[in-house]
Amino acid sequence: MTASLRRWHRDDAVALVDIYARADPDLLNNLPDDRSLAGAQAWLDWVRGAEEELSAVALAIVHGDQTPLGNVMATAIDRRHSTAWISYWLDSSARGQGLAAAGLRSLVDHLHDELGIYRLELGYRVNNPGSAAVAQSAGFIVEGRQRERLLYDGARFDTEECARLAGDPRPQRRRLPIRA
């Protein structure tokens, strides 16, 4: 499959609603609470505003036909300390192809090289080996565990907290091109 990264567009709202409708419980935990068309448009508007304020970068992982499959994102960009919080998700139909990992490696390069952000941080549930593998493949190093950090459906989950510094070795693996 030919895939790439691009900025989210307002007309991606319908595709987001389709992804929301197919989402498994793991993906649902990473999506906005309002999964309606209006909710998808509100999220896209939030992304655009955060990018204009330089506090976020969100890139859609897309098919060759530009249909969104997932998202790689940096939020809470702090220029003073040169840090950002990283997140990613992928539609269940596109998993197992290395797209999230390749997209994350591309986002990491962009943040370090183009935006000059020094420290990138992320966290994942310890019972989510797929997310752990994506983070590891992009060069993130586990720095610790936060006990019972997340609450989903009345259950608490430990998380592994990871970081990647601009000077850390870069994995020499596939990346997705970032399209204008």
Protein backbone atom coordinates (compact mmCIF):
# COMPACT_ATOMS: atom_id res chain seq x y z
CA MET A 1 0.00 0.00 0.00
CA THR A 2 1.25 3.46 -0.88
CA ALA A 3 0.84 5.66 2.16
CA SER A 4 2.00 9.12 3.17
CA LEU A 5 1.39 11.84 5.74
CA ARG A 6 -0.44 15.10 5.19
CA ARG A 7 -2.15 17.81 7.19
CA TRP A 8 -5.74 17.15 8.17
CA HIS A 9 -8.41 18.92 6.07
CA ARG A 10 -11.86 20.03 7.17
CA ASP A 11 -13.38 17.73 4.55
CA ASP A 12 -11.83 14.72 6.34
CA ALA A 13 -14.68 14.82 8.86
CA VAL A 14 -16.74 12.15 7.06
CA ALA A 15 -13.73 9.81 6.92
CA LEU A 16 -13.18 10.37 10.66
CA VAL A 17 -16.79 9.46 11.42
CA ASP A 18 -16.31 6.25 9.40
CA ILE A 19 -13.17 5.42 11.40
CA TYR A 20 -15.00 6.19 14.65
CA ALA A 21 -17.83 3.81 13.64
CA ARG A 22 -15.36 0.92 13.10
CA ALA A 23 -13.20 1.66 16.15
CA ASP A 24 -12.33 -1.13 18.53
CA PRO A 25 -12.18 -0.45 22.30
CA ASP A 26 -8.45 0.41 22.21
CA LEU A 27 -8.96 3.02 19.51
CA LEU A 28 -12.08 4.41 21.17
CA ASN A 29 -9.96 5.32 24.20
CA ASN A 30 -7.89 7.61 21.96
CA LEU A 31 -10.72 9.35 20.13
CA PRO A 32 -12.83 12.38 21.05
CA ASP A 33 -15.97 11.68 23.07
CA ASP A 34 -18.17 13.30 20.41
CA ARG A 35 -17.87 10.95 17.44
CA SER A 36 -20.60 12.61 15.38
CA LEU A 37 -19.96 14.57 12.19
CA ALA A 38 -20.12 17.79 14.23
CA GLY A 39 -17.66 16.30 16.73
CA ALA A 40 -15.25 15.31 13.95
CA GLN A 41 -15.46 18.82 12.48
CA ALA A 42 -14.87 20.31 15.95
CA TRP A 43 -11.74 18.14 16.38
CA LEU A 44 -10.46 19.20 12.96
CA ASP A 45 -11.10 22.85 13.85
CA TRP A 46 -9.22 22.34 17.13
CA VAL A 47 -6.28 20.82 15.23
CA ARG A 48 -6.15 23.75 12.82
CA GLY A 49 -6.28 26.28 15.67
CA ALA A 50 -3.60 24.49 17.68
CA GLU A 51 -1.35 24.35 14.61
CA GLU A 52 -1.86 28.08 14.01
CA GLU A 53 -0.86 28.72 17.65
CA LEU A 54 2.20 26.46 17.11
CA SER A 55 1.12 24.25 20.01
CA ALA A 56 0.44 21.13 17.91
CA VAL A 57 1.30 19.28 14.72
CA ALA A 58 -1.18 16.67 13.48
CA LEU A 59 -0.61 14.57 10.38
CA ALA A 60 -3.08 12.18 8.83
CA ILE A 61 -1.72 8.83 7.70
CA VAL A 62 -3.41 8.42 4.31
CA HIS A 63 -3.84 5.88 1.50
CA GLY A 64 -2.48 6.72 -1.91
CA ASP A 65 -5.98 8.04 -2.66
CA GLN A 66 -5.64 10.42 0.35
CA THR A 67 -8.20 8.56 2.50
CA PRO A 68 -7.23 8.93 6.19
CA LEU A 69 -6.15 5.76 7.99
CA GLY A 70 -4.74 7.21 11.19
CA ASN A 71 -2.98 10.06 12.94
CA VAL A 72 0.45 10.96 14.32
CA MET A 73 0.51 14.05 16.46
CA ALA A 74 2.53 16.31 18.73
CA THR A 75 0.61 18.39 21.26
CA ALA A 76 1.54 20.53 24.25
CA ILE A 77 4.49 21.89 22.26
CA ASP A 78 6.48 23.97 24.72
CA ARG A 79 9.02 26.19 22.98
CA ARG A 80 10.64 27.35 26.23
CA HIS A 81 11.63 23.84 27.25
CA SER A 82 11.63 22.44 23.69
CA THR A 83 9.29 19.54 24.47
CA ALA A 84 6.17 17.97 22.99
CA TRP A 85 3.74 15.17 23.82
CA ILE A 86 3.35 12.51 21.11
CA SER A 87 0.31 10.40 20.28
CA TYR A 88 -0.71 8.13 17.43
CA TRP A 89 -3.59 5.93 16.37
CA LEU A 90 -4.48 3.78 13.39
CA ASP A 91 -7.76 2.43 12.04
CA SER A 92 -7.97 -1.29 12.83
CA SER A 93 -8.21 -2.10 9.09
CA ALA A 94 -4.73 -0.62 8.52
CA ARG A 95 -2.87 -2.23 11.42
CA GLY A 96 -0.07 -4.75 10.98
CA GLN A 97 1.56 -2.97 8.03
CA GLY A 98 4.00 -0.78 9.95
CA LEU A 99 2.17 2.43 9.02
CA ALA A 100 1.92 3.89 12.53
CA ALA A 101 5.62 3.23 13.16
CA ALA A 102 6.72 4.64 9.79
CA GLY A 103 4.47 7.67 10.28
CA LEU A 104 5.79 8.23 13.79
CA ARG A 105 9.42 8.06 12.60
CA SER A 106 8.59 10.71 9.98
CA LEU A 107 6.87 12.94 12.54
CA VAL A 108 9.82 12.58 14.94
CA ASP A 109 12.27 13.63 12.21
CA HIS A 110 10.08 16.63 11.34
CA LEU A 111 9.79 17.74 14.96
CA HIS A 112 13.52 17.42 15.65
CA ASP A 113 14.86 18.70 12.32
CA GLU A 114 12.30 21.21 11.09
CA LEU A 115 10.81 22.53 14.33
CA GLY A 116 13.86 22.13 16.57
CA ILE A 117 12.00 20.35 19.36
CA TYR A 118 14.54 18.61 21.56
CA ARG A 119 12.55 16.24 23.80
CA LEU A 120 9.54 14.20 22.68
CA GLU A 121 7.50 12.30 25.25
CA LEU A 122 4.76 9.68 25.04
CA GLY A 123 3.03 7.08 27.15
CA TYR A 124 1.14 3.85 26.49
CA ARG A 125 -0.71 1.29 28.57
CA VAL A 126 1.59 -1.55 29.63
CA ASN A 127 -0.98 -4.04 28.33
CA ASN A 128 -0.77 -2.57 24.81
CA PRO A 129 2.20 -4.30 23.12
CA GLY A 130 1.31 -2.85 19.71
CA SER A 131 1.69 0.72 20.93
CA ALA A 132 4.89 -0.22 22.76
CA ALA A 133 6.32 -1.66 19.54
CA VAL A 134 5.46 1.51 17.59
CA ALA A 135 7.20 3.70 20.18
CA GLN A 136 10.27 1.47 20.34
CA SER A 137 10.56 1.32 16.55
CA ALA A 138 10.71 5.14 16.47
CA GLY A 139 13.56 5.23 18.99
CA PHE A 140 11.61 6.08 22.15
CA ILE A 141 13.23 4.85 25.34
CA VAL A 142 11.22 3.81 28.40
CA GLU A 143 12.00 6.12 31.31
CA GLY A 144 9.55 4.76 33.86
CA ARG A 145 6.17 3.43 34.80
CA GLN A 146 3.23 5.37 36.16
CA ARG A 147 1.03 3.13 38.23
CA GLU A 148 -2.71 3.25 37.54
CA ARG A 149 -2.25 6.38 35.40
CA LEU A 150 -5.26 5.91 33.09
CA LEU A 151 -8.92 5.17 33.82
CA TYR A 152 -10.98 3.48 31.10
CA ASP A 153 -14.45 2.05 31.74
CA GLY A 154 -13.87 1.92 35.50
CA ALA A 155 -10.52 0.08 35.25
CA ARG A 156 -7.14 1.66 36.01
CA PHE A 157 -4.10 0.99 33.83
CA ASP A 158 -0.37 1.42 34.37
CA THR A 159 1.53 3.28 31.65
CA GLU A 160 5.09 3.21 30.44
CA GLU A 161 6.47 6.72 29.91
CA CYS A 162 9.00 7.14 27.12
CA ALA A 163 11.10 9.90 25.60
CA ARG A 164 13.22 10.53 22.57
CA LEU A 165 15.87 13.24 22.46
CA ALA A 166 17.09 15.01 19.34
CA GLY A 167 20.56 13.47 19.75
CA ASP A 168 19.36 9.88 20.22
CA PRO A 169 20.29 7.43 17.45
CA ARG A 170 17.68 7.36 14.70
CA PRO A 171 16.26 4.05 13.60
CA GLN A 172 17.19 3.37 9.98
CA ARG A 173 13.78 2.08 9.01
CA ARG A 174 10.94 3.05 6.68
CA ARG A 175 9.41 6.50 6.86
CA LEU A 176 6.31 7.91 5.21
CA PRO A 177 6.73 10.98 3.02
CA ILE A 178 5.09 14.15 4.30
CA ARG A 179 3.02 15.67 1.49
CA ALA A 180 2.28 19.37 1.21
